[in-house]
Amino acid sequence: SARPRPEPLQLHHGSPPLALHPWRDAEGPPLLLLHELHGNAETLQGV
């Protein structure tokens, strides 16, 4: 079975709360993926 992804972090930077998905932990430069207008983080899985 696939390893379940961790729950997204809830960011509170004012309004509204944001969901930040930590998909992979590794050593090296962090990558932040941002989706298109009608998408969400899940549309970027495997990118």
ModelCIF file with pLDDT and N, C-alpha, C, O atoms, coordinates in Angstrom:
data_MODEL
#
_entry.id   MODEL 
#
_entity.id                         1 
_entity.type                       polymer 
_entity.pdbx_number_of_molecules   1 
#
_entity_poly.entity_id                      1 
_entity_poly.type                           'polypeptide(L)' 
_entity_poly.nstd_linkage                   no 
_entity_poly.nstd_monomer                   no 
_entity_poly.pdbx_seq_one_letter_code       SARPRPEPLQLHHGSPPLALHPWRDAEGPPLLLLHELHGNAETLQGV 
_entity_poly.pdbx_seq_one_letter_code_can   SARPRPEPLQLHHGSPPLALHPWRDAEGPPLLLLHELHGNAETLQGV 
_entity_poly.pdbx_strand_id                 A 
#
loop_
_entity_poly_seq.entity_id 
_entity_poly_seq.num 
_entity_poly_seq.mon_id 
_entity_poly_seq.hetero 
1 1  SER n 
1 2  ALA n 
1 3  ARG n 
1 4  PRO n 
1 5  ARG n 
1 6  PRO n 
1 7  GLU n 
1 8  PRO n 
1 9  LEU n 
1 10 GLN n 
1 11 LEU n 
1 12 HIS n 
1 13 HIS n 
1 14 GLY n 
1 15 SER n 
1 16 PRO n 
1 17 PRO n 
1 18 LEU n 
1 19 ALA n 
1 20 LEU n 
1 21 HIS n 
1 22 PRO n 
1 23 TRP n 
1 24 ARG n 
1 25 ASP n 
1 26 ALA n 
1 27 GLU n 
1 28 GLY n 
1 29 PRO n 
1 30 PRO n 
1 31 LEU n 
1 32 LEU n 
1 33 LEU n 
1 34 LEU n 
1 35 HIS n 
1 36 GLU n 
1 37 LEU n 
1 38 HIS n 
1 39 GLY n 
1 40 ASN n 
1 41 ALA n 
1 42 GLU n 
1 43 THR n 
1 44 LEU n 
1 45 GLN n 
1 46 GLY n 
1 47 VAL n 
#
_struct_asym.id          A 
_struct_asym.entity_id   1 
#
loop_
_ma_qa_metric.id 
_ma_qa_metric.mode 
_ma_qa_metric.name 
_ma_qa_metric.software_group_id 
_ma_qa_metric.type 
1 global pLDDT . pLDDT 
2 local  pLDDT . pLDDT 
#
_ma_qa_metric_global.metric_id      1 
_ma_qa_metric_global.metric_value   88.94 
_ma_qa_metric_global.model_id       1 
_ma_qa_metric_global.ordinal_id     1 
#
loop_
_ma_qa_metric_local.label_asym_id 
_ma_qa_metric_local.label_comp_id 
_ma_qa_metric_local.label_seq_id 
_ma_qa_metric_local.metric_id 
_ma_qa_metric_local.metric_value 
_ma_qa_metric_local.model_id 
_ma_qa_metric_local.ordinal_id 
A SER 1  2 44.00 1 1  
A ALA 2  2 52.00 1 2  
A ARG 3  2 56.00 1 3  
A PRO 4  2 62.00 1 4  
A ARG 5  2 70.00 1 5  
A PRO 6  2 79.00 1 6  
A GLU 7  2 89.00 1 7  
A PRO 8  2 94.00 1 8  
A LEU 9  2 92.00 1 9  
A GLN 10 2 94.00 1 10 
A LEU 11 2 94.00 1 11 
A HIS 12 2 90.00 1 12 
A HIS 13 2 82.00 1 13 
A GLY 14 2 79.00 1 14 
A SER 15 2 75.00 1 15 
A PRO 16 2 90.00 1 16 
A PRO 17 2 96.00 1 17 
A LEU 18 2 97.00 1 18 
A ALA 19 2 97.00 1 19 
A LEU 20 2 98.00 1 20 
A HIS 21 2 97.00 1 21 
A PRO 22 2 96.00 1 22 
A TRP 23 2 94.00 1 23 
A ARG 24 2 92.00 1 24 
A ASP 25 2 91.00 1 25 
A ALA 26 2 92.00 1 26 
A GLU 27 2 92.00 1 27 
A GLY 28 2 94.00 1 28 
A PRO 29 2 96.00 1 29 
A PRO 30 2 97.00 1 30 
A LEU 31 2 97.00 1 31 
A LEU 32 2 98.00 1 32 
A LEU 33 2 98.00 1 33 
A LEU 34 2 98.00 1 34 
A HIS 35 2 97.00 1 35 
A GLU 36 2 96.00 1 36 
A LEU 37 2 92.00 1 37 
A HIS 38 2 92.00 1 38 
A GLY 39 2 95.00 1 39 
A ASN 40 2 96.00 1 40 
A ALA 41 2 97.00 1 41 
A GLU 42 2 95.00 1 42 
A THR 43 2 94.00 1 43 
A LEU 44 2 95.00 1 44 
A GLN 45 2 91.00 1 45 
A GLY 46 2 88.00 1 46 
A VAL 47 2 90.00 1 47 
#
loop_
_atom_site.group_PDB 
_atom_site.id 
_atom_site.type_symbol 
_atom_site.label_atom_id 
_atom_site.label_alt_id 
_atom_site.label_comp_id 
_atom_site.label_asym_id 
_atom_site.label_entity_id 
_atom_site.label_seq_id 
_atom_site.pdbx_PDB_ins_code 
_atom_site.Cartn_x 
_atom_site.Cartn_y 
_atom_site.Cartn_z 
_atom_site.occupancy 
_atom_site.B_iso_or_equiv 
_atom_site.pdbx_formal_charge 
_atom_site.auth_seq_id 
_atom_site.auth_comp_id 
_atom_site.auth_asym_id 
_atom_site.auth_atom_id 
_atom_site.pdbx_PDB_model_num 
ATOM 1   N N  . SER A 1 1  ? 0.832  -1.205 0.000   1.00 44.00 ? 1  SER A N  1 
ATOM 2   C CA . SER A 1 1  ? 0.000  0.000  0.000   1.00 44.00 ? 1  SER A CA 1 
ATOM 3   C C  . SER A 1 1  ? 0.865  1.252  0.000   1.00 44.00 ? 1  SER A C  1 
ATOM 4   O O  . SER A 1 1  ? 1.988  1.258  0.503   1.00 44.00 ? 1  SER A O  1 
ATOM 5   N N  . ALA A 1 2  ? 0.312  2.307  -0.575  1.00 52.00 ? 2  ALA A N  1 
ATOM 6   C CA . ALA A 1 2  ? 1.028  3.585  -0.615  1.00 52.00 ? 2  ALA A CA 1 
ATOM 7   C C  . ALA A 1 2  ? 1.046  4.203  0.776   1.00 52.00 ? 2  ALA A C  1 
ATOM 8   O O  . ALA A 1 2  ? 0.091  4.078  1.543   1.00 52.00 ? 2  ALA A O  1 
ATOM 9   N N  . ARG A 1 3  ? 2.147  4.867  1.081   1.00 56.00 ? 3  ARG A N  1 
ATOM 10  C CA . ARG A 1 3  ? 2.278  5.541  2.370   1.00 56.00 ? 3  ARG A CA 1 
ATOM 11  C C  . ARG A 1 3  ? 1.349  6.756  2.382   1.00 56.00 ? 3  ARG A C  1 
ATOM 12  O O  . ARG A 1 3  ? 1.384  7.553  1.445   1.00 56.00 ? 3  ARG A O  1 
ATOM 13  N N  . PRO A 1 4  ? 0.521  6.918  3.415   1.00 62.00 ? 4  PRO A N  1 
ATOM 14  C CA . PRO A 1 4  ? -0.396 8.060  3.438   1.00 62.00 ? 4  PRO A CA 1 
ATOM 15  C C  . PRO A 1 4  ? 0.383  9.369  3.566   1.00 62.00 ? 4  PRO A C  1 
ATOM 16  O O  . PRO A 1 4  ? 1.413  9.437  4.237   1.00 62.00 ? 4  PRO A O  1 
ATOM 17  N N  . ARG A 1 5  ? -0.125 10.383 2.919   1.00 70.00 ? 5  ARG A N  1 
ATOM 18  C CA . ARG A 1 5  ? 0.490  11.708 3.002   1.00 70.00 ? 5  ARG A CA 1 
ATOM 19  C C  . ARG A 1 5  ? 0.151  12.333 4.341   1.00 70.00 ? 5  ARG A C  1 
ATOM 20  O O  . ARG A 1 5  ? -0.923 12.096 4.893   1.00 70.00 ? 5  ARG A O  1 
ATOM 21  N N  . PRO A 1 6  ? 1.079  13.137 4.863   1.00 79.00 ? 6  PRO A N  1 
ATOM 22  C CA . PRO A 1 6  ? 0.778  13.823 6.125   1.00 79.00 ? 6  PRO A CA 1 
ATOM 23  C C  . PRO A 1 6  ? -0.349 14.838 5.934   1.00 79.00 ? 6  PRO A C  1 
ATOM 24  O O  . PRO A 1 6  ? -0.589 15.333 4.832   1.00 79.00 ? 6  PRO A O  1 
ATOM 25  N N  . GLU A 1 7  ? -1.012 15.123 7.010   1.00 89.00 ? 7  GLU A N  1 
ATOM 26  C CA . GLU A 1 7  ? -2.069 16.140 6.974   1.00 89.00 ? 7  GLU A CA 1 
ATOM 27  C C  . GLU A 1 7  ? -1.460 17.486 6.588   1.00 89.00 ? 7  GLU A C  1 
ATOM 28  O O  . GLU A 1 7  ? -0.319 17.774 6.950   1.00 89.00 ? 7  GLU A O  1 
ATOM 29  N N  . PRO A 1 8  ? -2.206 18.312 5.859   1.00 94.00 ? 8  PRO A N  1 
ATOM 30  C CA . PRO A 1 8  ? -1.663 19.630 5.506   1.00 94.00 ? 8  PRO A CA 1 
ATOM 31  C C  . PRO A 1 8  ? -1.509 20.512 6.744   1.00 94.00 ? 8  PRO A C  1 
ATOM 32  O O  . PRO A 1 8  ? -2.264 20.404 7.710   1.00 94.00 ? 8  PRO A O  1 
ATOM 33  N N  . LEU A 1 9  ? -0.514 21.381 6.681   1.00 92.00 ? 9  LEU A N  1 
ATOM 34  C CA . LEU A 1 9  ? -0.335 22.379 7.728   1.00 92.00 ? 9  LEU A CA 1 
ATOM 35  C C  . LEU A 1 9  ? -1.345 23.488 7.497   1.00 92.00 ? 9  LEU A C  1 
ATOM 36  O O  . LEU A 1 9  ? -1.596 23.869 6.354   1.00 92.00 ? 9  LEU A O  1 
ATOM 37  N N  . GLN A 1 10 ? -1.922 24.007 8.559   1.00 94.00 ? 10 GLN A N  1 
ATOM 38  C CA . GLN A 1 10 ? -2.850 25.133 8.448   1.00 94.00 ? 10 GLN A CA 1 
ATOM 39  C C  . GLN A 1 10 ? -2.089 26.418 8.744   1.00 94.00 ? 10 GLN A C  1 
ATOM 40  O O  . GLN A 1 10 ? -1.570 26.601 9.845   1.00 94.00 ? 10 GLN A O  1 
ATOM 41  N N  . LEU A 1 11 ? -2.026 27.308 7.755   1.00 94.00 ? 11 LEU A N  1 
ATOM 42  C CA . LEU A 1 11 ? -1.341 28.583 7.907   1.00 94.00 ? 11 LEU A CA 1 
ATOM 43  C C  . LEU A 1 11 ? -2.363 29.676 8.160   1.00 94.00 ? 11 LEU A C  1 
ATOM 44  O O  . LEU A 1 11 ? -3.371 29.768 7.460   1.00 94.00 ? 11 LEU A O  1 
ATOM 45  N N  . HIS A 1 12 ? -2.106 30.491 9.147   1.00 90.00 ? 12 HIS A N  1 
ATOM 46  C CA . HIS A 1 12 ? -3.008 31.601 9.481   1.00 90.00 ? 12 HIS A CA 1 
ATOM 47  C C  . HIS A 1 12 ? -2.218 32.896 9.333   1.00 90.00 ? 12 HIS A C  1 
ATOM 48  O O  . HIS A 1 12 ? -1.520 33.328 10.250  1.00 90.00 ? 12 HIS A O  1 
ATOM 49  N N  . HIS A 1 13 ? -2.346 33.502 8.158   1.00 82.00 ? 13 HIS A N  1 
ATOM 50  C CA . HIS A 1 13 ? -1.602 34.727 7.878   1.00 82.00 ? 13 HIS A CA 1 
ATOM 51  C C  . HIS A 1 13 ? -2.538 35.920 7.795   1.00 82.00 ? 13 HIS A C  1 
ATOM 52  O O  . HIS A 1 13 ? -2.182 36.949 7.222   1.00 82.00 ? 13 HIS A O  1 
ATOM 53  N N  . GLY A 1 14 ? -3.668 35.798 8.330   1.00 79.00 ? 14 GLY A N  1 
ATOM 54  C CA . GLY A 1 14 ? -4.727 36.795 8.225   1.00 79.00 ? 14 GLY A CA 1 
ATOM 55  C C  . GLY A 1 14 ? -5.996 36.031 7.912   1.00 79.00 ? 14 GLY A C  1 
ATOM 56  O O  . GLY A 1 14 ? -6.476 35.244 8.729   1.00 79.00 ? 14 GLY A O  1 
ATOM 57  N N  . SER A 1 15 ? -6.526 36.259 6.755   1.00 75.00 ? 15 SER A N  1 
ATOM 58  C CA . SER A 1 15 ? -7.732 35.553 6.352   1.00 75.00 ? 15 SER A CA 1 
ATOM 59  C C  . SER A 1 15 ? -7.575 35.169 4.903   1.00 75.00 ? 15 SER A C  1 
ATOM 60  O O  . SER A 1 15 ? -7.102 35.997 4.124   1.00 75.00 ? 15 SER A O  1 
ATOM 61  N N  . PRO A 1 16 ? -7.914 34.047 4.511   1.00 90.00 ? 16 PRO A N  1 
ATOM 62  C CA . PRO A 1 16 ? -8.418 32.868 5.201   1.00 90.00 ? 16 PRO A CA 1 
ATOM 63  C C  . PRO A 1 16 ? -7.276 31.929 5.600   1.00 90.00 ? 16 PRO A C  1 
ATOM 64  O O  . PRO A 1 16 ? -6.127 32.171 5.232   1.00 90.00 ? 16 PRO A O  1 
ATOM 65  N N  . PRO A 1 17 ? -7.578 30.860 6.350   1.00 96.00 ? 17 PRO A N  1 
ATOM 66  C CA . PRO A 1 17 ? -6.542 29.863 6.624   1.00 96.00 ? 17 PRO A CA 1 
ATOM 67  C C  . PRO A 1 17 ? -6.159 29.138 5.334   1.00 96.00 ? 17 PRO A C  1 
ATOM 68  O O  . PRO A 1 17 ? -7.004 28.886 4.475   1.00 96.00 ? 17 PRO A O  1 
ATOM 69  N N  . LEU A 1 18 ? -4.881 28.809 5.214   1.00 97.00 ? 18 LEU A N  1 
ATOM 70  C CA . LEU A 1 18 ? -4.358 28.153 4.015   1.00 97.00 ? 18 LEU A CA 1 
ATOM 71  C C  . LEU A 1 18 ? -3.883 26.748 4.348   1.00 97.00 ? 18 LEU A C  1 
ATOM 72  O O  . LEU A 1 18 ? -3.400 26.489 5.450   1.00 97.00 ? 18 LEU A O  1 
ATOM 73  N N  . ALA A 1 19 ? -4.023 25.845 3.388   1.00 97.00 ? 19 ALA A N  1 
ATOM 74  C CA . ALA A 1 19 ? -3.555 24.467 3.541   1.00 97.00 ? 19 ALA A CA 1 
ATOM 75  C C  . ALA A 1 19 ? -2.245 24.297 2.781   1.00 97.00 ? 19 ALA A C  1 
ATOM 76  O O  . ALA A 1 19 ? -2.208 24.416 1.556   1.00 97.00 ? 19 ALA A O  1 
ATOM 77  N N  . LEU A 1 20 ? -1.165 24.016 3.521   1.00 98.00 ? 20 LEU A N  1 
ATOM 78  C CA . LEU A 1 20 ? 0.152  23.761 2.938   1.00 98.00 ? 20 LEU A CA 1 
ATOM 79  C C  . LEU A 1 20 ? 0.432  22.273 3.074   1.00 98.00 ? 20 LEU A C  1 
ATOM 80  O O  . LEU A 1 20 ? 0.495  21.744 4.184   1.00 98.00 ? 20 LEU A O  1 
ATOM 81  N N  . HIS A 1 21 ? 0.596  21.607 1.951   1.00 97.00 ? 21 HIS A N  1 
ATOM 82  C CA . HIS A 1 21 ? 0.789  20.156 1.924   1.00 97.00 ? 21 HIS A CA 1 
ATOM 83  C C  . HIS A 1 21 ? 2.276  19.816 1.884   1.00 97.00 ? 21 HIS A C  1 
ATOM 84  O O  . HIS A 1 21 ? 2.942  20.100 0.888   1.00 97.00 ? 21 HIS A O  1 
ATOM 85  N N  . PRO A 1 22 ? 2.812  19.211 2.954   1.00 96.00 ? 22 PRO A N  1 
ATOM 86  C CA . PRO A 1 22 ? 4.204  18.745 2.934   1.00 96.00 ? 22 PRO A CA 1 
ATOM 87  C C  . PRO A 1 22 ? 4.261  17.358 2.296   1.00 96.00 ? 22 PRO A C  1 
ATOM 88  O O  . PRO A 1 22 ? 3.982  16.360 2.961   1.00 96.00 ? 22 PRO A O  1 
ATOM 89  N N  . TRP A 1 23 ? 4.616  17.287 1.032   1.00 94.00 ? 23 TRP A N  1 
ATOM 90  C CA . TRP A 1 23 ? 4.545  16.028 0.308   1.00 94.00 ? 23 TRP A CA 1 
ATOM 91  C C  . TRP A 1 23 ? 5.773  15.157 0.463   1.00 94.00 ? 23 TRP A C  1 
ATOM 92  O O  . TRP A 1 23 ? 5.657  13.932 0.493   1.00 94.00 ? 23 TRP A O  1 
ATOM 93  N N  . ARG A 1 24 ? 6.932  15.752 0.559   1.00 92.00 ? 24 ARG A N  1 
ATOM 94  C CA . ARG A 1 24 ? 8.126  14.926 0.697   1.00 92.00 ? 24 ARG A CA 1 
ATOM 95  C C  . ARG A 1 24 ? 9.147  15.666 1.541   1.00 92.00 ? 24 ARG A C  1 
ATOM 96  O O  . ARG A 1 24 ? 9.364  16.864 1.363   1.00 92.00 ? 24 ARG A O  1 
ATOM 97  N N  . ASP A 1 25 ? 9.768  14.948 2.456   1.00 91.00 ? 25 ASP A N  1 
ATOM 98  C CA . ASP A 1 25 ? 10.830 15.497 3.286   1.00 91.00 ? 25 ASP A CA 1 
ATOM 99  C C  . ASP A 1 25 ? 12.140 14.932 2.771   1.00 91.00 ? 25 ASP A C  1 
ATOM 100 O O  . ASP A 1 25 ? 12.272 13.721 2.591   1.00 91.00 ? 25 ASP A O  1 
ATOM 101 N N  . ALA A 1 26 ? 13.099 15.794 2.536   1.00 92.00 ? 26 ALA A N  1 
ATOM 102 C CA . ALA A 1 26 ? 14.406 15.367 2.048   1.00 92.00 ? 26 ALA A CA 1 
ATOM 103 C C  . ALA A 1 26 ? 15.401 16.489 2.305   1.00 92.00 ? 26 ALA A C  1 
ATOM 104 O O  . ALA A 1 26 ? 15.015 17.619 2.603   1.00 92.00 ? 26 ALA A O  1 
ATOM 105 N N  . GLU A 1 27 ? 16.672 16.169 2.187   1.00 92.00 ? 27 GLU A N  1 
ATOM 106 C CA . GLU A 1 27 ? 17.719 17.182 2.309   1.00 92.00 ? 27 GLU A CA 1 
ATOM 107 C C  . GLU A 1 27 ? 17.870 17.874 0.961   1.00 92.00 ? 27 GLU A C  1 
ATOM 108 O O  . GLU A 1 27 ? 17.893 17.221 -0.082  1.00 92.00 ? 27 GLU A O  1 
ATOM 109 N N  . GLY A 1 28 ? 17.973 19.196 0.989   1.00 94.00 ? 28 GLY A N  1 
ATOM 110 C CA . GLY A 1 28 ? 18.158 19.952 -0.246  1.00 94.00 ? 28 GLY A CA 1 
ATOM 111 C C  . GLY A 1 28 ? 17.244 21.156 -0.273  1.00 94.00 ? 28 GLY A C  1 
ATOM 112 O O  . GLY A 1 28 ? 16.547 21.434 0.703   1.00 94.00 ? 28 GLY A O  1 
ATOM 113 N N  . PRO A 1 29 ? 17.242 21.873 -1.384  1.00 96.00 ? 29 PRO A N  1 
ATOM 114 C CA . PRO A 1 29 ? 16.421 23.086 -1.478  1.00 96.00 ? 29 PRO A CA 1 
ATOM 115 C C  . PRO A 1 29 ? 14.935 22.738 -1.522  1.00 96.00 ? 29 PRO A C  1 
ATOM 116 O O  . PRO A 1 29 ? 14.527 21.845 -2.264  1.00 96.00 ? 29 PRO A O  1 
ATOM 117 N N  . PRO A 1 30 ? 14.119 23.445 -0.723  1.00 97.00 ? 30 PRO A N  1 
ATOM 118 C CA . PRO A 1 30 ? 12.683 23.171 -0.738  1.00 97.00 ? 30 PRO A CA 1 
ATOM 119 C C  . PRO A 1 30 ? 12.014 23.719 -1.996  1.00 97.00 ? 30 PRO A C  1 
ATOM 120 O O  . PRO A 1 30 ? 12.411 24.763 -2.514  1.00 97.00 ? 30 PRO A O  1 
ATOM 121 N N  . LEU A 1 31 ? 11.010 23.015 -2.475  1.00 97.00 ? 31 LEU A N  1 
ATOM 122 C CA . LEU A 1 31 ? 10.229 23.386 -3.650  1.00 97.00 ? 31 LEU A CA 1 
ATOM 123 C C  . LEU A 1 31 ? 8.786  23.610 -3.214  1.00 97.00 ? 31 LEU A C  1 
ATOM 124 O O  . LEU A 1 31 ? 8.194  22.769 -2.537  1.00 97.00 ? 31 LEU A O  1 
ATOM 125 N N  . LEU A 1 32 ? 8.222  24.760 -3.612  1.00 98.00 ? 32 LEU A N  1 
ATOM 126 C CA . LEU A 1 32 ? 6.816  25.064 -3.351  1.00 98.00 ? 32 LEU A CA 1 
ATOM 127 C C  . LEU A 1 32 ? 6.080  25.104 -4.678  1.00 98.00 ? 32 LEU A C  1 
ATOM 128 O O  . LEU A 1 32 ? 6.427  25.887 -5.562  1.00 98.00 ? 32 LEU A O  1 
ATOM 129 N N  . LEU A 1 33 ? 5.062  24.259 -4.818  1.00 98.00 ? 33 LEU A N  1 
ATOM 130 C CA . LEU A 1 33 ? 4.257  24.176 -6.033  1.00 98.00 ? 33 LEU A CA 1 
ATOM 131 C C  . LEU A 1 33 ? 2.967  24.971 -5.852  1.00 98.00 ? 33 LEU A C  1 
ATOM 132 O O  . LEU A 1 33 ? 2.299  24.870 -4.822  1.00 98.00 ? 33 LEU A O  1 
ATOM 133 N N  . LEU A 1 34 ? 2.626  25.768 -6.878  1.00 98.00 ? 34 LEU A N  1 
ATOM 134 C CA . LEU A 1 34 ? 1.420  26.591 -6.867  1.00 98.00 ? 34 LEU A CA 1 
ATOM 135 C C  . LEU A 1 34 ? 0.552  26.216 -8.071  1.00 98.00 ? 34 LEU A C  1 
ATOM 136 O O  . LEU A 1 34 ? 1.039  26.184 -9.201  1.00 98.00 ? 34 LEU A O  1 
ATOM 137 N N  . HIS A 1 35 ? -0.706 25.938 -7.836  1.00 97.00 ? 35 HIS A N  1 
ATOM 138 C CA . HIS A 1 35 ? -1.605 25.421 -8.874  1.00 97.00 ? 35 HIS A CA 1 
ATOM 139 C C  . HIS A 1 35 ? -2.224 26.517 -9.730  1.00 97.00 ? 35 HIS A C  1 
ATOM 140 O O  . HIS A 1 35 ? -2.096 27.708 -9.443  1.00 97.00 ? 35 HIS A O  1 
ATOM 141 N N  . GLU A 1 36 ? -2.903 26.078 -10.794 1.00 96.00 ? 36 GLU A N  1 
ATOM 142 C CA . GLU A 1 36 ? -3.609 26.991 -11.684 1.00 96.00 ? 36 GLU A CA 1 
ATOM 143 C C  . GLU A 1 36 ? -4.926 27.452 -11.058 1.00 96.00 ? 36 GLU A C  1 
ATOM 144 O O  . GLU A 1 36 ? -5.300 27.011 -9.971  1.00 96.00 ? 36 GLU A O  1 
ATOM 145 N N  . LEU A 1 37 ? -5.616 28.343 -11.762 1.00 92.00 ? 37 LEU A N  1 
ATOM 146 C CA . LEU A 1 37 ? -6.809 28.987 -11.213 1.00 92.00 ? 37 LEU A CA 1 
ATOM 147 C C  . LEU A 1 37 ? -7.899 28.005 -10.785 1.00 92.00 ? 37 LEU A C  1 
ATOM 148 O O  . LEU A 1 37 ? -8.454 28.155 -9.697  1.00 92.00 ? 37 LEU A O  1 
ATOM 149 N N  . HIS A 1 38 ? -8.210 27.034 -11.582 1.00 92.00 ? 38 HIS A N  1 
ATOM 150 C CA . HIS A 1 38 ? -9.310 26.127 -11.233 1.00 92.00 ? 38 HIS A CA 1 
ATOM 151 C C  . HIS A 1 38 ? -8.821 24.793 -10.675 1.00 92.00 ? 38 HIS A C  1 
ATOM 152 O O  . HIS A 1 38 ? -9.542 23.796 -10.703 1.00 92.00 ? 38 HIS A O  1 
ATOM 153 N N  . GLY A 1 39 ? -7.589 24.785 -10.171 1.00 95.00 ? 39 GLY A N  1 
ATOM 154 C CA . GLY A 1 39 ? -7.031 23.565 -9.621  1.00 95.00 ? 39 GLY A CA 1 
ATOM 155 C C  . GLY A 1 39 ? -6.905 23.641 -8.117  1.00 95.00 ? 39 GLY A C  1 
ATOM 156 O O  . GLY A 1 39 ? -7.539 24.467 -7.461  1.00 95.00 ? 39 GLY A O  1 
ATOM 157 N N  . ASN A 1 40 ? -6.083 22.773 -7.589  1.00 96.00 ? 40 ASN A N  1 
ATOM 158 C CA . ASN A 1 40 ? -5.711 22.773 -6.178  1.00 96.00 ? 40 ASN A CA 1 
ATOM 159 C C  . ASN A 1 40 ? -4.400 21.998 -6.075  1.00 96.00 ? 40 ASN A C  1 
ATOM 160 O O  . ASN A 1 40 ? -3.869 21.532 -7.083  1.00 96.00 ? 40 ASN A O  1 
ATOM 161 N N  . ALA A 1 41 ? -3.892 21.864 -4.882  1.00 97.00 ? 41 ALA A N  1 
ATOM 162 C CA . ALA A 1 41 ? -2.600 21.201 -4.702  1.00 97.00 ? 41 ALA A CA 1 
ATOM 163 C C  . ALA A 1 41 ? -2.601 19.789 -5.287  1.00 97.00 ? 41 ALA A C  1 
ATOM 164 O O  . ALA A 1 41 ? -1.595 19.351 -5.846  1.00 97.00 ? 41 ALA A O  1 
ATOM 165 N N  . GLU A 1 42 ? -3.696 19.089 -5.166  1.00 95.00 ? 42 GLU A N  1 
ATOM 166 C CA . GLU A 1 42 ? -3.759 17.702 -5.645  1.00 95.00 ? 42 GLU A CA 1 
ATOM 167 C C  . GLU A 1 42 ? -3.515 17.595 -7.145  1.00 95.00 ? 42 GLU A C  1 
ATOM 168 O O  . GLU A 1 42 ? -3.036 16.563 -7.616  1.00 95.00 ? 42 GLU A O  1 
ATOM 169 N N  . THR A 1 43 ? -3.837 18.647 -7.910  1.00 94.00 ? 43 THR A N  1 
ATOM 170 C CA . THR A 1 43 ? -3.611 18.591 -9.354  1.00 94.00 ? 43 THR A CA 1 
ATOM 171 C C  . THR A 1 43 ? -2.131 18.589 -9.705  1.00 94.00 ? 43 THR A C  1 
ATOM 172 O O  . THR A 1 43 ? -1.768 18.329 -10.853 1.00 94.00 ? 43 THR A O  1 
ATOM 173 N N  . LEU A 1 44 ? -1.268 18.877 -8.727  1.00 95.00 ? 44 LEU A N  1 
ATOM 174 C CA . LEU A 1 44 ? 0.175  18.915 -8.956  1.00 95.00 ? 44 LEU A CA 1 
ATOM 175 C C  . LEU A 1 44 ? 0.895  17.670 -8.453  1.00 95.00 ? 44 LEU A C  1 
ATOM 176 O O  . LEU A 1 44 ? 2.125  17.617 -8.476  1.00 95.00 ? 44 LEU A O  1 
ATOM 177 N N  . GLN A 1 45 ? 0.150  16.673 -8.003  1.00 91.00 ? 45 GLN A N  1 
ATOM 178 C CA . GLN A 1 45 ? 0.784  15.438 -7.531  1.00 91.00 ? 45 GLN A CA 1 
ATOM 179 C C  . GLN A 1 45 ? 1.647  14.840 -8.626  1.00 91.00 ? 45 GLN A C  1 
ATOM 180 O O  . GLN A 1 45 ? 1.238  14.773 -9.785  1.00 91.00 ? 45 GLN A O  1 
ATOM 181 N N  . GLY A 1 46 ? 2.822  14.414 -8.259  1.00 88.00 ? 46 GLY A N  1 
ATOM 182 C CA . GLY A 1 46 ? 3.707  13.761 -9.204  1.00 88.00 ? 46 GLY A CA 1 
ATOM 183 C C  . GLY A 1 46 ? 4.471  14.702 -10.117 1.00 88.00 ? 46 GLY A C  1 
ATOM 184 O O  . GLY A 1 46 ? 5.164  14.238 -11.022 1.00 88.00 ? 46 GLY A O  1 
ATOM 185 N N  . VAL A 1 47 ? 4.367  16.020 -9.910  1.00 90.00 ? 47 VAL A N  1 
ATOM 186 C CA . VAL A 1 47 ? 5.019  16.985 -10.789 1.00 90.00 ? 47 VAL A CA 1 
ATOM 187 C C  . VAL A 1 47 ? 6.534  16.961 -10.640 1.00 90.00 ? 47 VAL A C  1 
ATOM 188 O O  . VAL A 1 47 ? 7.233  17.718 -11.314 1.00 90.00 ? 47 VAL A O  1 
#
